[in-house]
Amino acid sequence: MADTKLVLGNWFAECVMNGRSLPDFAAMLGMCTASYGQTRAIYQHLSPGRDAYAQMERGRGPDAISSMELLDVPPQNWEDLVLTAYLSEQATWAMMSSLLDDPDRAVSAIARKVGEEAYFHLKYATGWFQVIRSEDESSERLMEALARRLPLAVDWFGHPDGDTADVAEASTSERSRTQRFLRNVAQDLERVGLQLPDLSQPLDRGEWDSSRRRRSDLPDGLFEIIRFKDPVYAH
């Protein structure tokens, strides 16, 4: 989840100048910093020692980053950007929300903060859905992006025993999260008169790695964009 937030934050940083208006610039910069903050909060919890934290943040290569493959390919247009950010937020929240009652108070606090910030990020995206839906060409681009991106978002929730099995065959917990995610997406789409695309065709993109929730390494070009630079080089 932290790696996904890291990549998503960089998406906002790279795409902020594509905003349609000044409020878009402000919103994307805010979502960028929130994503970075969530990333670092989780990294610091996972690696409390200074050296361990530095390794987590700056010491891993593209073969160790475990972000959603949904974010591997850059947005093709404005509709694709809004839709992909929305799916990323919904998917990570479906995961994080299961930690709200975690006995570790630090974990539950992080989950709660992520949820508070995700609420506004999702409102921004669904507000744009209403605008996009009012224009035929924009609506068509949104649905094309949904057909490409949604299977990748669903794929992130996992498969049992490393198989490329259908979501219906996944474990109870994974299936519950997937269903929660799809239910939330369907409800938001229905509000603007849209429906989920067909998800019956399984992805054929390589072997599923359950430890990273990915089928391949992070693309080199994306890694060069997202990797934190060593602070010594900034002086």
Protein backbone atom coordinates (compact mmCIF):
# COMPACT_ATOMS: atom_id res chain seq x y z
CA MET A 1 0.00 0.00 0.00
CA ALA A 2 2.85 2.40 0.81
CA ASP A 3 4.56 1.70 -2.51
CA THR A 4 1.30 2.33 -4.34
CA LYS A 5 0.89 5.65 -2.56
CA LEU A 6 4.48 6.51 -3.48
CA VAL A 7 3.83 5.95 -7.17
CA LEU A 8 0.44 7.68 -7.02
CA GLY A 9 2.02 10.74 -5.41
CA ASN A 10 4.48 10.91 -8.29
CA TRP A 11 1.62 10.61 -10.77
CA PHE A 12 0.09 13.76 -9.29
CA ALA A 13 3.45 15.55 -9.25
CA GLU A 14 4.14 14.69 -12.89
CA CYS A 15 0.61 15.48 -14.12
CA VAL A 16 -0.26 18.58 -12.12
CA MET A 17 0.34 20.90 -15.09
CA ASN A 18 -2.29 18.99 -17.05
CA GLY A 19 -5.01 20.29 -14.73
CA ARG A 20 -7.96 21.95 -16.45
CA SER A 21 -8.09 24.91 -14.06
CA LEU A 22 -6.39 26.47 -11.04
CA PRO A 23 -8.49 24.38 -8.60
CA ASP A 24 -7.16 21.25 -10.33
CA PHE A 25 -3.57 22.37 -9.76
CA ALA A 26 -4.28 22.96 -6.07
CA ALA A 27 -6.17 19.67 -5.70
CA MET A 28 -3.47 17.57 -7.36
CA LEU A 29 -0.69 19.19 -5.36
CA GLY A 30 -2.67 18.50 -2.19
CA MET A 31 -3.25 14.88 -3.19
CA CYS A 32 0.42 14.57 -4.09
CA THR A 33 1.63 15.69 -0.67
CA ALA A 34 -1.02 13.58 1.10
CA SER A 35 0.12 10.50 -0.82
CA TYR A 36 3.76 11.17 0.06
CA GLY A 37 2.83 11.68 3.69
CA GLN A 38 0.92 8.40 3.82
CA THR A 39 3.85 6.64 2.17
CA ARG A 40 6.36 7.89 4.70
CA ALA A 41 4.09 7.21 7.68
CA ILE A 42 3.78 3.56 6.64
CA TYR A 43 7.49 3.25 5.80
CA GLN A 44 8.44 4.66 9.20
CA HIS A 45 6.09 2.24 10.94
CA LEU A 46 7.53 -0.71 9.03
CA SER A 47 11.16 0.39 9.47
CA PRO A 48 11.50 2.39 12.71
CA GLY A 49 15.31 2.48 12.71
CA ARG A 50 16.98 5.31 10.79
CA ASP A 51 19.05 3.02 8.57
CA ALA A 52 16.15 0.65 7.99
CA TYR A 53 13.86 3.55 7.04
CA ALA A 54 16.42 4.94 4.59
CA GLN A 55 16.69 1.51 2.99
CA MET A 56 12.91 1.26 2.69
CA GLU A 57 12.57 4.70 1.15
CA ARG A 58 15.66 4.97 -1.05
CA GLY A 59 17.50 1.66 -1.06
CA ARG A 60 15.27 -0.59 -3.16
CA GLY A 61 15.41 -1.22 -6.89
CA PRO A 62 12.58 -1.64 -9.40
CA ASP A 63 12.44 -5.36 -8.60
CA ALA A 64 11.51 -4.60 -4.98
CA ILE A 65 8.84 -1.91 -5.38
CA SER A 66 5.40 -3.45 -4.82
CA SER A 67 3.01 -0.84 -6.20
CA MET A 68 -0.13 -1.63 -8.16
CA GLU A 69 0.53 -2.48 -11.80
CA LEU A 70 -2.45 -0.25 -12.48
CA LEU A 71 0.00 2.65 -12.19
CA ASP A 72 2.75 1.24 -14.41
CA VAL A 73 1.45 2.86 -17.61
CA PRO A 74 1.10 6.66 -17.65
CA PRO A 75 -2.31 8.26 -18.26
CA GLN A 76 -3.34 8.58 -21.88
CA ASN A 77 -5.64 11.58 -21.34
CA TRP A 78 -7.36 13.61 -18.62
CA GLU A 79 -10.16 11.08 -18.22
CA ASP A 80 -7.64 8.27 -17.78
CA LEU A 81 -5.75 10.27 -15.13
CA VAL A 82 -8.87 10.99 -13.07
CA LEU A 83 -10.13 7.41 -13.39
CA THR A 84 -6.79 5.81 -12.48
CA ALA A 85 -6.31 8.03 -9.45
CA TYR A 86 -9.85 7.18 -8.36
CA LEU A 87 -9.31 3.42 -8.72
CA SER A 88 -6.01 3.62 -6.84
CA GLU A 89 -7.62 5.46 -3.94
CA GLN A 90 -10.60 3.10 -3.81
CA ALA A 91 -8.40 0.01 -3.94
CA THR A 92 -5.95 1.14 -1.26
CA TRP A 93 -8.82 2.23 0.96
CA ALA A 94 -10.49 -1.17 0.57
CA MET A 95 -7.26 -2.62 1.96
CA MET A 96 -6.61 -0.01 4.64
CA SER A 97 -10.16 0.01 5.98
CA SER A 98 -9.68 -3.55 7.21
CA LEU A 99 -7.01 -2.19 9.58
CA LEU A 100 -9.22 0.37 11.32
CA ASP A 101 -9.72 -1.99 14.27
CA ASP A 102 -6.18 -3.35 14.31
CA PRO A 103 -4.94 -3.95 17.88
CA ASP A 104 -1.79 -1.98 17.05
CA ARG A 105 -2.93 1.59 17.71
CA ALA A 106 -0.31 3.03 15.36
CA VAL A 107 -1.64 0.91 12.51
CA SER A 108 -5.27 1.81 13.17
CA ALA A 109 -4.34 5.51 13.41
CA ILE A 110 -2.56 5.41 10.06
CA ALA A 111 -5.55 3.62 8.50
CA ARG A 112 -7.94 6.23 9.90
CA LYS A 113 -5.85 9.11 8.58
CA VAL A 114 -5.60 7.50 5.14
CA GLY A 115 -9.38 7.13 5.10
CA GLU A 116 -9.96 10.78 6.04
CA GLU A 117 -7.72 11.96 3.21
CA ALA A 118 -9.01 9.41 0.70
CA TYR A 119 -12.55 10.69 1.25
CA PHE A 120 -11.68 14.07 -0.27
CA HIS A 121 -9.57 12.55 -3.05
CA LEU A 122 -12.50 10.36 -4.08
CA LYS A 123 -14.89 13.31 -3.95
CA TYR A 124 -12.63 15.19 -6.33
CA ALA A 125 -12.61 12.31 -8.81
CA THR A 126 -16.34 11.61 -8.67
CA GLY A 127 -17.02 15.31 -9.15
CA TRP A 128 -15.02 15.11 -12.36
CA PHE A 129 -16.98 12.00 -13.38
CA GLN A 130 -20.12 14.14 -13.46
CA VAL A 131 -18.44 16.70 -15.71
CA ILE A 132 -16.95 14.04 -17.98
CA ARG A 133 -20.26 12.21 -18.29
CA SER A 134 -21.91 15.34 -19.70
CA GLU A 135 -19.66 15.26 -22.77
CA ASP A 136 -19.99 12.34 -25.19
CA GLU A 137 -16.34 12.19 -26.26
CA SER A 138 -15.06 12.55 -22.70
CA SER A 139 -17.50 9.93 -21.49
CA GLU A 140 -16.28 7.53 -24.16
CA ARG A 141 -12.65 8.08 -23.14
CA LEU A 142 -13.59 7.46 -19.52
CA MET A 143 -15.22 4.14 -20.35
CA GLU A 144 -12.24 3.10 -22.49
CA ALA A 145 -9.93 3.86 -19.57
CA LEU A 146 -12.21 1.95 -17.20
CA ALA A 147 -12.11 -1.13 -19.43
CA ARG A 148 -8.28 -1.03 -19.42
CA ARG A 149 -7.64 -0.08 -15.83
CA LEU A 150 -10.32 -1.81 -13.75
CA PRO A 151 -9.04 -5.39 -14.38
CA LEU A 152 -5.58 -4.28 -13.21
CA ALA A 153 -7.07 -2.79 -10.04
CA VAL A 154 -9.01 -5.99 -9.31
CA ASP A 155 -5.91 -8.07 -10.01
CA TRP A 156 -4.08 -6.29 -7.17
CA PHE A 157 -6.32 -7.89 -4.57
CA GLY A 158 -4.70 -11.25 -5.17
CA HIS A 159 -5.04 -14.90 -6.06
CA PRO A 160 -4.69 -18.02 -3.89
CA ASP A 161 -1.44 -19.97 -3.93
CA GLY A 162 0.10 -17.72 -6.57
CA ASP A 163 -2.31 -18.95 -9.24
CA THR A 164 -3.89 -16.76 -11.88
CA ALA A 165 -7.27 -17.88 -10.61
CA ASP A 166 -10.53 -16.01 -10.93
CA VAL A 167 -11.38 -13.56 -8.16
CA ALA A 168 -14.29 -15.78 -7.14
CA GLU A 169 -11.79 -18.48 -6.13
CA ALA A 170 -9.71 -16.17 -3.93
CA SER A 171 -9.55 -16.43 -0.16
CA THR A 172 -12.44 -15.14 1.93
CA SER A 173 -10.60 -12.01 3.08
CA GLU A 174 -9.36 -11.11 -0.39
CA ARG A 175 -12.76 -11.78 -1.89
CA SER A 176 -14.40 -9.56 0.72
CA ARG A 177 -12.03 -6.69 -0.08
CA THR A 178 -12.51 -7.14 -3.80
CA GLN A 179 -16.28 -7.14 -3.43
CA ARG A 180 -16.13 -4.00 -1.26
CA PHE A 181 -13.96 -2.28 -3.83
CA LEU A 182 -16.19 -3.23 -6.77
CA ARG A 183 -19.34 -2.28 -4.86
CA ASN A 184 -17.97 1.19 -4.14
CA VAL A 185 -16.85 1.68 -7.74
CA ALA A 186 -20.21 0.49 -9.09
CA GLN A 187 -22.12 2.87 -6.81
CA ASP A 188 -20.05 5.88 -7.84
CA LEU A 189 -20.44 5.02 -11.53
CA GLU A 190 -24.17 4.47 -11.21
CA ARG A 191 -24.57 7.98 -9.81
CA VAL A 192 -23.45 9.35 -13.18
CA GLY A 193 -25.26 6.75 -15.28
CA LEU A 194 -22.34 4.40 -15.97
CA GLN A 195 -21.80 0.70 -15.30
CA LEU A 196 -18.90 -1.62 -14.60
CA PRO A 197 -17.32 -3.26 -17.68
CA ASP A 198 -17.12 -7.03 -18.16
CA LEU A 199 -14.54 -8.56 -15.83
CA SER A 200 -14.96 -12.19 -16.86
CA GLN A 201 -11.73 -12.38 -18.87
CA PRO A 202 -8.67 -13.13 -16.70
CA LEU A 203 -5.49 -11.15 -17.19
CA ASP A 204 -2.73 -12.90 -19.08
CA ARG A 205 0.32 -10.88 -18.10
CA GLY A 206 2.74 -13.28 -16.47
CA GLU A 207 2.90 -15.21 -13.23
CA TRP A 208 1.30 -13.68 -10.15
CA ASP A 209 3.74 -12.82 -7.33
CA SER A 210 1.68 -12.91 -4.14
CA SER A 211 4.42 -11.32 -2.03
CA ARG A 212 4.47 -8.20 -4.22
CA ARG A 213 0.94 -8.32 -5.66
CA ARG A 214 2.47 -7.87 -9.11
CA ARG A 215 3.26 -9.88 -12.22
CA SER A 216 6.40 -7.99 -13.28
CA ASP A 217 9.03 -5.54 -12.04
CA LEU A 218 8.40 -1.83 -12.00
CA PRO A 219 9.22 -0.35 -15.44
CA ASP A 220 12.65 1.31 -15.44
CA GLY A 221 11.26 4.62 -16.68
CA LEU A 222 8.72 4.78 -13.87
CA PHE A 223 11.33 3.80 -11.30
CA GLU A 224 13.56 6.72 -12.34
CA ILE A 225 10.61 9.06 -11.75
CA ILE A 226 9.44 7.74 -8.40
CA ARG A 227 12.61 6.81 -6.57
CA PHE A 228 13.56 9.13 -3.72
CA LYS A 229 16.91 10.79 -4.34
CA ASP A 230 19.59 10.56 -1.68
CA PRO A 231 19.52 13.88 0.26
CA VAL A 232 23.30 14.27 0.00
CA TYR A 233 22.93 14.97 -3.73
CA ALA A 234 20.61 17.91 -3.08
CA HIS A 235 23.36 20.01 -1.47
